[in-house]
Protein backbone atom coordinates (compact mmCIF):
# COMPACT_ATOMS: atom_id res chain seq x y z
CA MET A 1 -56.55 -16.12 24.05
CA ILE A 2 -56.83 -16.22 20.22
CA PHE A 3 -57.11 -13.19 18.02
CA SER A 4 -58.53 -13.22 14.58
CA VAL A 5 -57.48 -10.78 12.04
CA LYS A 6 -59.38 -9.94 8.76
CA ARG A 7 -57.65 -10.55 5.64
CA SER A 8 -58.44 -6.95 4.44
CA THR A 9 -56.60 -5.63 7.53
CA LEU A 10 -53.52 -7.66 6.76
CA ILE A 11 -53.59 -6.23 3.24
CA TRP A 12 -53.77 -2.74 4.43
CA VAL A 13 -50.87 -3.28 6.96
CA ALA A 14 -48.97 -4.66 4.10
CA VAL A 15 -49.65 -1.74 1.79
CA ILE A 16 -48.65 0.72 4.59
CA LEU A 17 -45.33 -1.04 5.26
CA ALA A 18 -44.58 -1.22 1.65
CA VAL A 19 -45.06 2.51 1.30
CA CYS A 20 -42.80 3.20 4.41
CA VAL A 21 -40.13 1.03 2.91
CA VAL A 22 -40.30 2.90 -0.48
CA CYS A 23 -40.26 6.43 1.14
CA GLY A 24 -37.29 5.33 3.28
CA PHE A 25 -35.47 4.07 0.20
CA ILE A 26 -36.07 7.33 -1.62
CA VAL A 27 -34.83 9.39 1.32
CA ASN A 28 -31.74 7.21 1.72
CA THR A 29 -31.24 7.39 -2.12
CA GLU A 30 -31.29 11.17 -2.13
CA THR A 31 -28.93 11.27 0.85
CA PHE A 32 -26.54 8.89 -0.85
CA ALA A 33 -26.66 10.83 -4.10
CA THR A 34 -25.83 14.01 -2.19
CA VAL A 35 -22.95 12.39 -0.37
CA PHE A 36 -21.67 10.59 -3.52
CA SER A 37 -21.82 13.91 -5.75
CA ASN A 38 -20.22 15.69 -2.73
CA ARG A 39 -22.52 18.63 -3.27
CA SER A 40 -23.99 20.41 -0.35
CA THR A 41 -27.83 20.63 0.21
CA ARG A 42 -27.39 23.88 2.21
CA ARG A 43 -25.89 27.26 1.40
CA ILE A 44 -22.13 27.28 1.90
CA PRO A 45 -19.82 30.15 1.21
CA VAL A 46 -16.74 29.85 -1.00
CA TYR A 47 -13.89 28.67 1.18
CA GLY A 48 -11.61 27.88 -1.73
CA VAL A 49 -11.68 27.07 -5.44
CA ASP A 50 -10.86 24.10 -7.49
CA CYS A 51 -8.68 25.55 -10.15
CA GLY A 52 -7.04 22.38 -11.23
CA GLU A 53 -3.23 22.76 -12.01
CA GLU A 54 -3.38 26.49 -11.95
CA LYS A 55 -1.14 27.73 -9.09
CA LYS A 56 -3.36 30.55 -7.96
CA ILE A 57 -3.86 31.81 -4.51
CA ALA A 58 -6.08 34.70 -3.14
CA LEU A 59 -4.61 36.59 -0.25
CA THR A 60 -7.34 38.53 1.69
CA PHE A 61 -7.07 41.07 4.32
CA ASP A 62 -9.98 41.86 6.73
CA ALA A 63 -9.96 45.62 7.91
CA ALA A 64 -12.01 46.73 10.81
CA TRP A 65 -9.73 48.31 13.41
CA GLY A 66 -6.62 50.44 12.49
CA ALA A 67 -4.88 51.22 9.34
CA ASP A 68 -1.34 52.02 10.28
CA LYS A 69 0.15 49.12 8.36
CA THR A 70 -2.13 49.19 5.22
CA LEU A 71 0.09 51.31 2.95
CA LYS A 72 3.21 49.19 3.86
CA ILE A 73 1.24 46.05 3.03
CA LEU A 74 0.40 47.60 -0.39
CA GLU A 75 4.09 48.20 -0.79
CA ILE A 76 5.12 44.74 0.02
CA LEU A 77 2.46 43.31 -2.34
CA GLU A 78 3.63 45.53 -5.22
CA LYS A 79 7.32 44.35 -4.72
CA TYR A 80 6.22 40.82 -5.24
CA ASP A 81 3.75 41.66 -8.10
CA ALA A 82 1.01 40.29 -5.95
CA LYS A 83 -2.76 41.23 -5.82
CA ALA A 84 -5.00 40.86 -2.88
CA THR A 85 -8.57 41.49 -1.75
CA PHE A 86 -9.19 43.77 1.30
CA PHE A 87 -12.67 43.17 2.99
CA LEU A 88 -13.57 46.49 4.51
CA VAL A 89 -16.12 47.41 7.38
CA GLY A 90 -18.07 50.49 6.81
CA PHE A 91 -16.81 52.37 9.85
CA TRP A 92 -13.30 51.62 8.67
CA LEU A 93 -14.21 53.12 5.33
CA ASP A 94 -15.52 56.23 7.03
CA LYS A 95 -12.39 56.70 9.04
CA TYR A 96 -9.83 55.79 6.51
CA PRO A 97 -10.95 57.04 2.86
CA GLU A 98 -7.31 57.75 1.75
CA GLU A 99 -6.26 54.22 2.55
CA THR A 100 -9.27 52.93 0.73
CA ARG A 101 -8.42 54.87 -2.34
CA ALA A 102 -4.93 53.70 -2.12
CA ILE A 103 -6.03 49.97 -2.04
CA ALA A 104 -8.13 50.62 -5.13
CA ALA A 105 -5.48 52.43 -6.95
CA SER A 106 -2.90 49.76 -6.29
CA GLY A 107 -4.90 47.32 -8.39
CA CYS A 108 -6.08 45.27 -5.33
CA GLU A 109 -9.74 44.55 -4.95
CA ILE A 110 -12.21 45.69 -2.09
CA GLY A 111 -14.72 43.31 -0.64
CA ASN A 112 -17.68 44.04 1.76
CA HIS A 113 -17.24 43.08 5.39
CA SER A 114 -20.56 44.77 6.55
CA ASN A 115 -21.09 48.11 7.97
CA ASN A 116 -20.88 47.52 11.83
CA HIS A 117 -19.14 44.04 12.00
CA LEU A 118 -22.21 42.34 13.78
CA GLN A 119 -23.08 38.80 13.98
CA MET A 120 -25.22 38.91 10.93
CA SER A 121 -27.02 35.60 11.11
CA LYS A 122 -28.94 37.34 14.00
CA LEU A 123 -30.29 40.06 11.80
CA SER A 124 -33.33 40.35 9.65
CA GLU A 125 -33.12 40.35 6.03
CA GLU A 126 -33.83 44.21 6.00
CA LYS A 127 -31.01 44.80 8.39
CA ILE A 128 -28.59 42.67 6.51
CA ALA A 129 -29.36 44.48 3.25
CA GLU A 130 -28.74 47.75 5.22
CA GLU A 131 -25.38 46.58 6.40
CA LEU A 132 -24.24 45.43 2.97
CA ASN A 133 -25.58 48.32 1.00
CA TYR A 134 -23.90 50.89 3.11
CA VAL A 135 -20.49 49.44 2.41
CA THR A 136 -21.26 48.91 -1.30
CA ASP A 137 -22.38 52.41 -1.75
CA LYS A 138 -19.41 53.93 0.40
CA VAL A 139 -16.83 51.91 -1.82
CA TYR A 140 -18.31 53.13 -4.93
CA GLU A 141 -18.40 56.71 -3.59
CA LEU A 142 -14.70 56.59 -2.60
CA THR A 143 -13.27 54.52 -5.55
CA GLY A 144 -15.85 54.39 -8.35
CA LYS A 145 -15.65 50.59 -8.10
CA LYS A 146 -18.41 48.04 -7.24
CA THR A 147 -17.98 45.36 -4.64
CA ALA A 148 -18.73 41.75 -5.74
CA TYR A 149 -17.69 39.79 -2.65
CA PHE A 150 -18.77 39.70 0.94
CA ARG A 151 -17.07 38.15 4.02
CA PRO A 152 -19.38 37.76 7.09
CA PRO A 153 -17.87 39.11 10.39
CA PHE A 154 -16.60 36.34 12.63
CA GLY A 155 -17.03 33.82 9.73
CA ASP A 156 -20.75 33.47 10.97
CA TYR A 157 -23.35 32.75 8.33
CA ASP A 158 -26.64 31.08 7.61
CA ASN A 159 -28.83 30.59 4.48
CA GLU A 160 -30.65 33.77 4.72
CA LEU A 161 -27.45 35.75 4.88
CA ILE A 162 -25.94 34.16 1.83
CA ASP A 163 -29.23 34.47 0.03
CA THR A 164 -29.69 38.13 0.85
CA ALA A 165 -26.00 38.92 -0.16
CA GLU A 166 -26.52 37.03 -3.37
CA LYS A 167 -29.74 39.11 -4.25
CA LEU A 168 -27.44 42.18 -3.73
CA GLY A 169 -24.97 40.89 -6.18
CA LEU A 170 -22.49 39.68 -3.63
CA THR A 171 -20.76 36.19 -3.63
CA THR A 172 -20.08 35.10 0.07
CA ILE A 173 -16.45 34.29 0.70
CA GLN A 174 -14.71 32.55 3.66
CA TRP A 175 -11.11 31.23 3.69
CA SER A 176 -9.40 27.85 3.48
CA VAL A 177 -6.32 28.89 5.28
CA ASP A 178 -6.14 30.92 8.48
CA SER A 179 -2.96 32.64 9.22
CA LEU A 180 -4.14 33.25 12.79
CA ASP A 181 -2.18 36.67 12.70
CA TRP A 182 -4.92 38.03 14.89
CA LYS A 183 -3.77 36.03 17.70
CA GLY A 184 -0.52 37.91 17.92
CA ILE A 185 1.64 34.89 17.02
CA SER A 186 5.18 35.52 15.80
CA ALA A 187 5.99 36.20 12.10
CA THR A 188 7.70 32.80 11.88
CA GLU A 189 4.45 31.03 13.14
CA ILE A 190 2.28 32.93 10.81
CA THR A 191 4.63 32.13 7.77
CA SER A 192 4.65 28.40 8.78
CA ARG A 193 0.93 28.14 8.87
CA VAL A 194 0.39 29.67 5.49
CA VAL A 195 3.21 27.99 3.61
CA LYS A 196 2.38 24.57 4.96
CA ASN A 197 -1.26 24.83 4.09
CA ALA A 198 -1.38 26.82 0.92
CA GLN A 199 -2.36 24.96 -2.33
CA ASN A 200 -3.90 25.70 -5.55
CA GLY A 201 -7.15 27.66 -5.17
CA SER A 202 -6.48 28.55 -1.56
CA ILE A 203 -8.10 31.70 0.14
CA VAL A 204 -5.78 32.98 2.81
CA LEU A 205 -6.96 35.14 5.79
CA PHE A 206 -4.99 37.91 7.17
CA HIS A 207 -5.86 41.10 9.02
CA ASN A 208 -4.46 44.49 7.79
CA ASN A 209 -3.32 45.78 11.31
CA SER A 210 -2.38 42.47 12.97
CA ASP A 211 0.86 42.58 15.20
CA ASN A 212 3.49 40.76 12.86
CA ILE A 213 1.91 40.87 9.46
CA LEU A 214 4.52 43.32 8.01
CA GLU A 215 7.31 40.79 8.99
CA ALA A 216 5.48 37.78 7.90
CA LEU A 217 4.01 38.80 4.54
CA PRO A 218 7.36 39.17 2.75
CA LEU A 219 8.41 35.71 3.97
CA ILE A 220 5.14 34.17 2.79
CA LEU A 221 5.32 35.78 -0.63
CA ALA A 222 8.92 34.89 -1.27
CA ASN A 223 8.40 31.25 -0.22
CA LEU A 224 5.24 30.86 -2.23
CA THR A 225 6.61 32.63 -5.31
CA ASN A 226 9.58 30.23 -5.38
CA ARG A 227 6.90 27.47 -5.46
CA GLY A 228 5.46 28.86 -8.53
CA PHE A 229 2.29 30.49 -7.11
CA GLU A 230 0.60 33.58 -8.47
CA PHE A 231 -1.22 35.86 -6.02
CA VAL A 232 -4.61 37.10 -7.58
CA GLY A 233 -7.62 39.23 -6.59
CA MET A 234 -10.80 37.40 -5.81
CA SER A 235 -12.36 38.02 -9.29
CA GLU A 236 -9.34 36.10 -10.81
CA LEU A 237 -9.98 33.11 -8.63
CA VAL A 238 -13.66 32.67 -7.97
CA TYR A 239 -15.87 31.31 -10.72
CA ASP A 240 -18.83 33.52 -11.71
CA GLY A 241 -21.83 31.67 -13.03
CA ASP A 242 -22.03 27.96 -13.76
CA TYR A 243 -20.46 26.41 -10.63
CA TYR A 244 -21.40 24.39 -7.53
CA ILE A 245 -19.95 24.34 -4.02
CA ASP A 246 -19.31 20.99 -2.39
CA ASN A 247 -19.67 20.15 1.31
CA ALA A 248 -16.19 21.35 2.06
CA GLY A 249 -16.86 24.80 0.52
CA ILE A 250 -14.65 24.16 -2.53
CA GLN A 251 -16.13 25.84 -5.56
CA HIS A 252 -16.04 23.74 -8.74
CA LYS A 253 -17.02 24.51 -12.38
CA ASN A 254 -19.98 22.45 -13.60
CA GLU A 255 -18.94 20.00 -16.23
CA VAL A 256 -20.38 20.61 -19.55
């Protein structure tokens, strides 16, 4: 059986195929450009910072349950002339106002860790704002200082969470080095993990009441101090303004 095809039909088929090829090329080109530039097309928190040759590290402590070791942590930090950022939960602030004031008085910074330590990607924008505003207001009430950084509970986030935090003046922060102190591992193991992985621009995750933090922290500070590192608050590490975050969560200054 022989089929006859009109010339006009062939022309339309050719046009449609050409459009598909061009569209596919554009999509692939955009994808390539994104990968080539190493910039993310979705919202990603700050996991670390490209600070070049500056040997700066941000130590961070999440505080949700317990405060027995907080003042001793501050003493150890002071001994090594180190600053840190404490991400505080709302119910922790309510229960430990004196420890909160001590953190601020020490020169360390306070970040927002939400009011109730919920999985915040599951919340509405209104509820997210409620969680964050409570902590921001409480910190200001206790210390007279404003929070500028937010760490999502469980490290869980989505675009809406980052966008909402940003609208409230908060930069979302994760970590590039996890001490795993919350697992109850030994001080030697905690120290080994941090010392092995620390580099310029690292953000290190600890917890203020973990089992062996008081034994591990001096070892870590001594080792990294000998390697020339400076321990700074989040505001001294994270860029504010003209920057981008790559696919690995590393923050970079935009080139002029």
